[in-house]
N, C-alpha and C. Protein backbone atom coordinates (compact mmCIF):
# COMPACT_ATOMS: atom_id res chain seq x y z
N MET A 1 0.85 -1.19 0.00
CA MET A 1 0.00 0.00 0.00
C MET A 1 0.89 1.25 0.00
N ALA A 2 0.57 2.19 -0.85
CA ALA A 2 1.37 3.40 -0.98
C ALA A 2 1.15 4.31 0.23
N LYS A 3 2.16 5.12 0.49
CA LYS A 3 2.08 6.04 1.63
C LYS A 3 0.92 7.02 1.47
N VAL A 4 0.66 7.44 0.25
CA VAL A 4 -0.41 8.41 0.00
C VAL A 4 -1.76 7.82 0.41
N GLU A 5 -1.98 6.54 0.13
CA GLU A 5 -3.23 5.88 0.48
C GLU A 5 -3.41 5.77 1.99
N LEU A 6 -2.30 5.65 2.72
CA LEU A 6 -2.37 5.58 4.18
C LEU A 6 -2.69 6.94 4.78
N LYS A 7 -2.24 8.01 4.14
CA LYS A 7 -2.42 9.35 4.67
C LYS A 7 -3.77 9.96 4.28
N LYS A 8 -4.36 9.47 3.21
CA LYS A 8 -5.60 10.04 2.71
C LYS A 8 -6.73 10.00 3.74
N PRO A 9 -6.96 8.91 4.48
CA PRO A 9 -8.04 8.91 5.48
C PRO A 9 -7.84 9.95 6.59
N ILE A 10 -6.60 10.21 6.95
CA ILE A 10 -6.32 11.19 8.00
C ILE A 10 -6.67 12.59 7.50
N VAL A 11 -6.26 12.90 6.26
CA VAL A 11 -6.58 14.21 5.68
C VAL A 11 -8.10 14.36 5.55
N GLU A 12 -8.79 13.29 5.16
CA GLU A 12 -10.25 13.34 5.04
C GLU A 12 -10.91 13.53 6.40
N GLU A 13 -10.34 12.93 7.45
CA GLU A 13 -10.87 13.10 8.80
C GLU A 13 -10.76 14.55 9.25
N ILE A 14 -9.60 15.15 9.01
CA ILE A 14 -9.41 16.56 9.37
C ILE A 14 -10.37 17.43 8.58
N SER A 15 -10.48 17.17 7.29
CA SER A 15 -11.38 17.96 6.43
C SER A 15 -12.83 17.85 6.90
N ALA A 16 -13.24 16.63 7.28
CA ALA A 16 -14.61 16.44 7.76
C ALA A 16 -14.85 17.18 9.07
N ASN A 17 -13.85 17.19 9.96
CA ASN A 17 -14.00 17.88 11.24
C ASN A 17 -14.10 19.40 11.08
N ILE A 18 -13.32 19.96 10.16
CA ILE A 18 -13.31 21.42 10.01
C ILE A 18 -14.38 21.91 9.04
N ALA A 19 -15.02 20.99 8.31
CA ALA A 19 -15.97 21.38 7.26
C ALA A 19 -17.08 22.29 7.77
N ASP A 20 -17.76 21.91 8.82
CA ASP A 20 -18.87 22.73 9.32
C ASP A 20 -18.62 23.19 10.75
N ALA A 21 -17.34 23.39 11.06
CA ALA A 21 -16.96 23.82 12.41
C ALA A 21 -17.23 25.31 12.60
N GLN A 22 -17.71 25.66 13.79
CA GLN A 22 -17.90 27.06 14.15
C GLN A 22 -16.58 27.70 14.58
N GLY A 23 -15.77 26.92 15.31
CA GLY A 23 -14.49 27.43 15.80
C GLY A 23 -13.39 26.39 15.68
N VAL A 24 -12.23 26.80 15.15
CA VAL A 24 -11.06 25.94 15.03
C VAL A 24 -9.89 26.71 15.61
N VAL A 25 -9.22 26.13 16.61
CA VAL A 25 -8.09 26.81 17.24
C VAL A 25 -6.87 25.90 17.16
N LEU A 26 -5.76 26.47 16.72
CA LEU A 26 -4.49 25.76 16.63
C LEU A 26 -3.68 26.12 17.87
N VAL A 27 -3.20 25.09 18.59
CA VAL A 27 -2.42 25.33 19.80
C VAL A 27 -1.10 24.60 19.73
N ASN A 28 -0.11 25.15 20.42
CA ASN A 28 1.18 24.50 20.59
C ASN A 28 1.18 23.89 21.99
N TYR A 29 1.22 22.57 22.06
CA TYR A 29 1.10 21.88 23.34
C TYR A 29 2.46 21.44 23.91
N SER A 30 3.54 21.89 23.33
CA SER A 30 4.88 21.49 23.75
C SER A 30 5.12 21.84 25.22
N GLY A 31 5.57 20.87 26.00
CA GLY A 31 5.88 21.10 27.40
C GLY A 31 4.80 20.69 28.36
N LEU A 32 3.63 20.30 27.87
CA LEU A 32 2.57 19.84 28.76
C LEU A 32 2.91 18.45 29.29
N THR A 33 2.60 18.22 30.54
CA THR A 33 2.78 16.88 31.10
C THR A 33 1.58 16.02 30.69
N VAL A 34 1.71 14.72 30.88
CA VAL A 34 0.63 13.81 30.54
C VAL A 34 -0.61 14.14 31.38
N ALA A 35 -0.41 14.43 32.66
CA ALA A 35 -1.54 14.76 33.54
C ALA A 35 -2.25 16.03 33.06
N GLN A 36 -1.47 17.03 32.68
CA GLN A 36 -2.07 18.28 32.20
C GLN A 36 -2.83 18.04 30.89
N ASP A 37 -2.23 17.27 29.99
CA ASP A 37 -2.88 16.97 28.72
C ASP A 37 -4.18 16.20 28.93
N THR A 38 -4.16 15.25 29.84
CA THR A 38 -5.36 14.48 30.15
C THR A 38 -6.46 15.38 30.69
N GLN A 39 -6.10 16.28 31.60
CA GLN A 39 -7.07 17.22 32.17
C GLN A 39 -7.64 18.14 31.09
N LEU A 40 -6.77 18.63 30.22
CA LEU A 40 -7.21 19.51 29.13
C LEU A 40 -8.18 18.78 28.21
N ARG A 41 -7.85 17.56 27.83
CA ARG A 41 -8.72 16.78 26.95
C ARG A 41 -10.08 16.54 27.60
N LYS A 42 -10.08 16.29 28.91
CA LYS A 42 -11.33 16.04 29.63
C LYS A 42 -12.22 17.29 29.59
N GLU A 43 -11.63 18.45 29.87
CA GLU A 43 -12.41 19.70 29.87
C GLU A 43 -12.97 19.99 28.48
N LEU A 44 -12.16 19.77 27.45
CA LEU A 44 -12.61 20.03 26.09
C LEU A 44 -13.72 19.05 25.68
N ARG A 45 -13.55 17.78 26.04
CA ARG A 45 -14.55 16.76 25.71
C ARG A 45 -15.90 17.09 26.35
N GLU A 46 -15.86 17.55 27.61
CA GLU A 46 -17.10 17.91 28.32
C GLU A 46 -17.83 19.07 27.65
N ALA A 47 -17.08 19.93 26.98
CA ALA A 47 -17.69 21.08 26.29
C ALA A 47 -18.05 20.75 24.84
N GLY A 48 -17.84 19.51 24.43
CA GLY A 48 -18.17 19.12 23.07
C GLY A 48 -17.16 19.56 22.03
N VAL A 49 -15.92 19.77 22.46
CA VAL A 49 -14.85 20.21 21.56
C VAL A 49 -13.98 19.01 21.21
N VAL A 50 -13.71 18.84 19.93
CA VAL A 50 -12.82 17.77 19.46
C VAL A 50 -11.39 18.30 19.53
N TYR A 51 -10.52 17.58 20.23
CA TYR A 51 -9.12 17.99 20.38
C TYR A 51 -8.25 16.84 19.91
N LYS A 52 -7.47 17.08 18.85
CA LYS A 52 -6.63 16.02 18.31
C LYS A 52 -5.30 16.59 17.86
N VAL A 53 -4.30 15.71 17.94
CA VAL A 53 -2.97 16.04 17.45
C VAL A 53 -2.81 15.37 16.09
N TYR A 54 -2.47 16.16 15.09
CA TYR A 54 -2.22 15.65 13.74
C TYR A 54 -0.85 16.12 13.29
N LYS A 55 -0.31 15.45 12.30
CA LYS A 55 0.94 15.91 11.70
C LYS A 55 0.65 17.22 10.96
N ASN A 56 1.62 18.11 11.00
CA ASN A 56 1.45 19.41 10.35
C ASN A 56 1.21 19.27 8.85
N THR A 57 1.87 18.32 8.20
CA THR A 57 1.69 18.15 6.76
C THR A 57 0.27 17.70 6.45
N MET A 58 -0.30 16.85 7.32
CA MET A 58 -1.69 16.40 7.11
C MET A 58 -2.66 17.57 7.26
N MET A 59 -2.44 18.40 8.28
CA MET A 59 -3.30 19.57 8.47
C MET A 59 -3.16 20.53 7.28
N ASN A 60 -1.93 20.67 6.78
CA ASN A 60 -1.69 21.55 5.65
C ASN A 60 -2.51 21.12 4.44
N PHE A 61 -2.50 19.82 4.13
CA PHE A 61 -3.29 19.32 3.01
C PHE A 61 -4.78 19.53 3.24
N ALA A 62 -5.26 19.27 4.46
CA ALA A 62 -6.69 19.39 4.77
C ALA A 62 -7.17 20.84 4.75
N PHE A 63 -6.30 21.79 5.10
CA PHE A 63 -6.68 23.19 5.18
C PHE A 63 -6.78 23.85 3.81
N GLN A 64 -6.14 23.29 2.78
CA GLN A 64 -6.12 23.90 1.46
C GLN A 64 -7.54 24.08 0.93
N GLY A 65 -7.86 25.29 0.50
CA GLY A 65 -9.15 25.58 -0.10
C GLY A 65 -10.29 25.75 0.90
N THR A 66 -9.97 25.89 2.19
CA THR A 66 -10.99 26.09 3.22
C THR A 66 -10.73 27.41 3.92
N PRO A 67 -11.66 27.86 4.76
CA PRO A 67 -11.39 29.08 5.55
C PRO A 67 -10.18 28.92 6.47
N CYS A 68 -9.80 27.68 6.78
CA CYS A 68 -8.67 27.42 7.67
C CYS A 68 -7.32 27.52 6.96
N GLU A 69 -7.32 27.87 5.68
CA GLU A 69 -6.07 27.92 4.90
C GLU A 69 -5.07 28.91 5.51
N GLU A 70 -5.57 29.96 6.15
CA GLU A 70 -4.69 30.94 6.80
C GLU A 70 -3.84 30.31 7.90
N LEU A 71 -4.30 29.21 8.48
CA LEU A 71 -3.58 28.56 9.58
C LEU A 71 -2.31 27.85 9.09
N CYS A 72 -2.20 27.62 7.78
CA CYS A 72 -1.06 26.88 7.23
C CYS A 72 0.28 27.53 7.57
N LYS A 73 0.29 28.85 7.66
CA LYS A 73 1.56 29.55 7.95
C LYS A 73 2.03 29.32 9.39
N HIS A 74 1.17 28.78 10.24
CA HIS A 74 1.54 28.52 11.63
C HIS A 74 1.88 27.05 11.90
N LEU A 75 1.90 26.25 10.86
CA LEU A 75 2.10 24.81 11.04
C LEU A 75 3.57 24.45 11.14
N ASP A 76 4.14 24.73 12.28
CA ASP A 76 5.49 24.25 12.58
C ASP A 76 5.55 24.00 14.08
N GLY A 77 6.28 22.96 14.46
CA GLY A 77 6.36 22.61 15.88
C GLY A 77 5.28 21.61 16.25
N THR A 78 5.01 21.51 17.54
CA THR A 78 4.05 20.55 18.06
C THR A 78 2.68 21.20 18.17
N ASN A 79 1.84 20.94 17.19
CA ASN A 79 0.52 21.57 17.12
C ASN A 79 -0.60 20.57 17.30
N ALA A 80 -1.71 21.07 17.83
CA ALA A 80 -2.93 20.28 17.96
C ALA A 80 -4.09 21.18 17.54
N LEU A 81 -5.20 20.55 17.17
CA LEU A 81 -6.40 21.28 16.76
C LEU A 81 -7.51 21.09 17.78
N ALA A 82 -8.19 22.16 18.11
CA ALA A 82 -9.40 22.11 18.93
C ALA A 82 -10.53 22.62 18.05
N ILE A 83 -11.54 21.76 17.85
CA ILE A 83 -12.61 22.07 16.90
C ILE A 83 -13.97 21.97 17.60
N SER A 84 -14.78 23.00 17.42
CA SER A 84 -16.13 22.98 17.98
C SER A 84 -17.14 23.23 16.87
N LYS A 85 -18.18 22.40 16.83
CA LYS A 85 -19.21 22.55 15.81
C LYS A 85 -20.39 23.37 16.32
N GLU A 86 -20.55 23.53 17.66
CA GLU A 86 -21.69 24.26 18.20
C GLU A 86 -21.30 25.65 18.69
N ASP A 87 -20.42 25.72 19.68
CA ASP A 87 -20.05 26.99 20.31
C ASP A 87 -18.76 27.50 19.68
N ALA A 88 -18.85 28.63 18.99
CA ALA A 88 -17.71 29.15 18.24
C ALA A 88 -16.53 29.55 19.13
N THR A 89 -16.80 30.04 20.33
CA THR A 89 -15.72 30.52 21.19
C THR A 89 -15.27 29.50 22.23
N ALA A 90 -15.93 28.35 22.30
CA ALA A 90 -15.61 27.36 23.33
C ALA A 90 -14.14 26.90 23.29
N PRO A 91 -13.58 26.55 22.12
CA PRO A 91 -12.18 26.11 22.14
C PRO A 91 -11.25 27.19 22.67
N ALA A 92 -11.41 28.41 22.20
CA ALA A 92 -10.53 29.50 22.64
C ALA A 92 -10.70 29.77 24.13
N ARG A 93 -11.95 29.77 24.59
CA ARG A 93 -12.24 30.07 25.99
C ARG A 93 -11.64 29.01 26.92
N ILE A 94 -11.83 27.74 26.60
CA ILE A 94 -11.34 26.66 27.46
C ILE A 94 -9.81 26.59 27.41
N LEU A 95 -9.24 26.73 26.23
CA LEU A 95 -7.78 26.66 26.10
C LEU A 95 -7.10 27.83 26.81
N ALA A 96 -7.67 29.02 26.69
CA ALA A 96 -7.08 30.20 27.37
C ALA A 96 -7.16 30.05 28.88
N LYS A 97 -8.29 29.55 29.37
CA LYS A 97 -8.44 29.32 30.81
C LYS A 97 -7.42 28.30 31.30
N PHE A 98 -7.24 27.24 30.51
CA PHE A 98 -6.28 26.20 30.89
C PHE A 98 -4.85 26.72 30.81
N ALA A 99 -4.57 27.60 29.85
CA ALA A 99 -3.22 28.15 29.69
C ALA A 99 -2.79 29.00 30.89
N LYS A 100 -3.77 29.49 31.66
CA LYS A 100 -3.42 30.25 32.87
C LYS A 100 -2.79 29.35 33.91
N THR A 101 -3.22 28.08 33.97
CA THR A 101 -2.64 27.14 34.93
C THR A 101 -1.45 26.39 34.35
N ALA A 102 -1.41 26.28 33.02
CA ALA A 102 -0.30 25.59 32.34
C ALA A 102 0.26 26.52 31.27
N PRO A 103 1.19 27.41 31.63
CA PRO A 103 1.68 28.41 30.68
C PRO A 103 2.42 27.83 29.47
N GLN A 104 2.74 26.51 29.49
CA GLN A 104 3.39 25.90 28.34
C GLN A 104 2.46 25.84 27.14
N LEU A 105 1.15 25.78 27.40
CA LEU A 105 0.16 25.72 26.33
C LEU A 105 0.06 27.10 25.68
N GLU A 106 0.24 27.14 24.36
CA GLU A 106 0.25 28.42 23.66
C GLU A 106 -0.83 28.43 22.58
N LEU A 107 -1.72 29.40 22.65
CA LEU A 107 -2.71 29.59 21.59
C LEU A 107 -1.99 30.20 20.41
N VAL A 108 -2.06 29.57 19.24
CA VAL A 108 -1.31 30.03 18.08
C VAL A 108 -2.16 30.92 17.19
N ALA A 109 -3.28 30.38 16.71
CA ALA A 109 -4.19 31.12 15.82
C ALA A 109 -5.47 30.33 15.71
N GLY A 110 -6.44 30.89 14.99
CA GLY A 110 -7.69 30.17 14.83
C GLY A 110 -8.59 30.76 13.78
N VAL A 111 -9.63 30.01 13.47
CA VAL A 111 -10.66 30.45 12.55
C VAL A 111 -11.99 30.28 13.28
N VAL A 112 -12.69 31.39 13.47
CA VAL A 112 -13.98 31.36 14.17
C VAL A 112 -15.03 31.93 13.24
N GLU A 113 -16.03 31.12 12.96
CA GLU A 113 -17.13 31.47 12.05
C GLU A 113 -16.60 32.04 10.73
N GLY A 114 -15.58 31.39 10.18
CA GLY A 114 -15.04 31.75 8.88
C GLY A 114 -14.01 32.87 8.87
N GLY A 115 -13.78 33.51 10.00
CA GLY A 115 -12.80 34.60 10.07
C GLY A 115 -11.51 34.16 10.74
N TYR A 116 -10.39 34.55 10.16
CA TYR A 116 -9.07 34.20 10.72
C TYR A 116 -8.70 35.14 11.85
N TYR A 117 -8.16 34.59 12.94
CA TYR A 117 -7.70 35.38 14.07
C TYR A 117 -6.29 34.94 14.44
N ASP A 118 -5.41 35.93 14.64
CA ASP A 118 -4.06 35.60 15.09
C ASP A 118 -4.08 35.35 16.60
N GLN A 119 -2.90 35.23 17.18
CA GLN A 119 -2.80 34.90 18.61
C GLN A 119 -3.53 35.93 19.47
N ALA A 120 -3.35 37.21 19.20
CA ALA A 120 -4.03 38.25 19.99
C ALA A 120 -5.54 38.19 19.79
N GLY A 121 -5.97 37.93 18.58
CA GLY A 121 -7.40 37.83 18.30
C GLY A 121 -8.06 36.66 19.02
N ILE A 122 -7.35 35.53 19.06
CA ILE A 122 -7.89 34.35 19.74
C ILE A 122 -7.97 34.61 21.24
N LYS A 123 -6.96 35.28 21.79
CA LYS A 123 -7.00 35.61 23.22
C LYS A 123 -8.16 36.55 23.53
N ALA A 124 -8.43 37.49 22.64
CA ALA A 124 -9.56 38.40 22.83
C ALA A 124 -10.89 37.64 22.73
N LEU A 125 -10.98 36.71 21.79
CA LEU A 125 -12.20 35.89 21.66
C LEU A 125 -12.42 35.00 22.87
N SER A 126 -11.33 34.60 23.52
CA SER A 126 -11.46 33.71 24.67
C SER A 126 -12.17 34.40 25.84
N GLU A 127 -12.21 35.73 25.81
CA GLU A 127 -12.85 36.47 26.88
C GLU A 127 -14.35 36.70 26.62
N VAL A 128 -14.81 36.31 25.44
CA VAL A 128 -16.24 36.43 25.12
C VAL A 128 -16.99 35.30 25.83
N PRO A 129 -18.03 35.63 26.57
CA PRO A 129 -18.78 34.58 27.27
C PRO A 129 -19.48 33.64 26.28
N SER A 130 -19.91 32.50 26.80
CA SER A 130 -20.60 31.54 25.95
C SER A 130 -21.96 32.10 25.54
N ARG A 131 -22.56 31.47 24.56
CA ARG A 131 -23.86 31.92 24.05
C ARG A 131 -24.91 31.90 25.15
N GLU A 132 -24.89 30.85 25.98
CA GLU A 132 -25.87 30.73 27.06
C GLU A 132 -25.72 31.87 28.06
N GLU A 133 -24.47 32.22 28.41
CA GLU A 133 -24.24 33.32 29.34
C GLU A 133 -24.74 34.64 28.77
N LEU A 134 -24.47 34.86 27.48
CA LEU A 134 -24.91 36.10 26.84
C LEU A 134 -26.44 36.19 26.80
N LEU A 135 -27.11 35.07 26.50
CA LEU A 135 -28.57 35.07 26.50
C LEU A 135 -29.12 35.31 27.89
N GLY A 136 -28.48 34.74 28.90
CA GLY A 136 -28.90 34.96 30.29
C GLY A 136 -28.78 36.43 30.68
N LYS A 137 -27.68 37.06 30.29
CA LYS A 137 -27.50 38.48 30.59
C LYS A 137 -28.54 39.33 29.86
N LEU A 138 -28.83 38.96 28.61
CA LEU A 138 -29.83 39.70 27.85
C LEU A 138 -31.20 39.60 28.51
N LEU A 139 -31.58 38.39 28.87
CA LEU A 139 -32.88 38.21 29.52
C LEU A 139 -32.94 38.92 30.86
N GLY A 140 -31.83 38.91 31.59
CA GLY A 140 -31.77 39.63 32.87
C GLY A 140 -31.94 41.12 32.68
N SER A 141 -31.31 41.66 31.63
CA SER A 141 -31.43 43.10 31.40
C SER A 141 -32.82 43.47 30.90
N ILE A 142 -33.49 42.57 30.19
CA ILE A 142 -34.86 42.84 29.75
C ILE A 142 -35.83 42.74 30.93
N GLN A 143 -35.60 41.76 31.80
CA GLN A 143 -36.50 41.51 32.92
C GLN A 143 -36.36 42.57 34.02
N SER A 144 -35.18 43.13 34.20
CA SER A 144 -34.92 44.07 35.28
C SER A 144 -35.85 45.29 35.27
N PRO A 145 -36.02 46.00 34.16
CA PRO A 145 -36.93 47.17 34.19
C PRO A 145 -38.37 46.78 34.49
N ILE A 146 -38.81 45.63 33.99
CA ILE A 146 -40.18 45.18 34.24
C ILE A 146 -40.37 44.90 35.73
N THR A 147 -39.40 44.26 36.34
CA THR A 147 -39.47 43.96 37.77
C THR A 147 -39.48 45.25 38.58
N ASN A 148 -38.63 46.18 38.22
CA ASN A 148 -38.59 47.46 38.93
C ASN A 148 -39.91 48.22 38.78
N PHE A 149 -40.50 48.19 37.60
CA PHE A 149 -41.78 48.86 37.36
C PHE A 149 -42.88 48.23 38.23
N ALA A 150 -42.90 46.91 38.27
CA ALA A 150 -43.90 46.20 39.09
C ALA A 150 -43.72 46.54 40.57
N ARG A 151 -42.48 46.65 41.01
CA ARG A 151 -42.20 46.98 42.40
C ARG A 151 -42.70 48.39 42.73
N VAL A 152 -42.49 49.35 41.83
CA VAL A 152 -42.94 50.72 42.04
C VAL A 152 -44.46 50.79 42.09
N ILE A 153 -45.13 50.10 41.18
CA ILE A 153 -46.60 50.07 41.16
C ILE A 153 -47.12 49.46 42.46
N SER A 154 -46.49 48.41 42.92
CA SER A 154 -46.89 47.75 44.17
C SER A 154 -46.75 48.72 45.35
N GLN A 155 -45.65 49.48 45.39
CA GLN A 155 -45.42 50.42 46.48
C GLN A 155 -46.44 51.54 46.46
N ILE A 156 -46.79 52.00 45.24
CA ILE A 156 -47.81 53.05 45.11
C ILE A 156 -49.15 52.53 45.62
N ALA A 157 -49.49 51.31 45.26
CA ALA A 157 -50.76 50.72 45.70
C ALA A 157 -50.79 50.57 47.22
N GLU A 158 -49.69 50.16 47.82
CA GLU A 158 -49.61 50.02 49.26
C GLU A 158 -49.71 51.37 49.94
N ALA A 159 -49.13 52.40 49.37
CA ALA A 159 -49.17 53.74 49.95
C ALA A 159 -50.61 54.30 49.91
N LYS A 160 -51.35 54.03 48.86
CA LYS A 160 -52.72 54.51 48.77
C LYS A 160 -53.64 53.78 49.73
N GLU A 161 -53.34 52.51 50.01
CA GLU A 161 -54.14 51.75 50.97
C GLU A 161 -53.94 52.28 52.39
N ALA A 162 -52.75 52.72 52.69
CA ALA A 162 -52.44 53.21 54.04
C ALA A 162 -52.89 54.61 54.21
């Protein structure tokens, strides 16, 4: 069997993972201990993020002709991919949080909802709350004036009774 035939399924796997992904983050995991890597994988898995280590040449072939093509210039060293199909900022958010406890982990670059972000951009995206948190804040801000209005009306009614 030719080497190309052995590598083709790996390239197809990467292509399938990034095809309809909301967020793809490239990280340099050099220097992480096995325990740290295991903990990181567990946190990512719980959030529904696929985290895999691929050869840079395989990622390079898979990225060609996709929005992730910009990531090709960062493919050197020990890289891994974190891919999320639901929450666009989940990979960046979880990896950045983990990097605070394990400074060896380095966010390299990423593609979120079709847009390329460099290291600074990914770090900025990591500070964006999840969709659920944002919806909760929105509902809280909508509900607050209504609650305050009801409280004022109630106080007026109580004052007129007295």
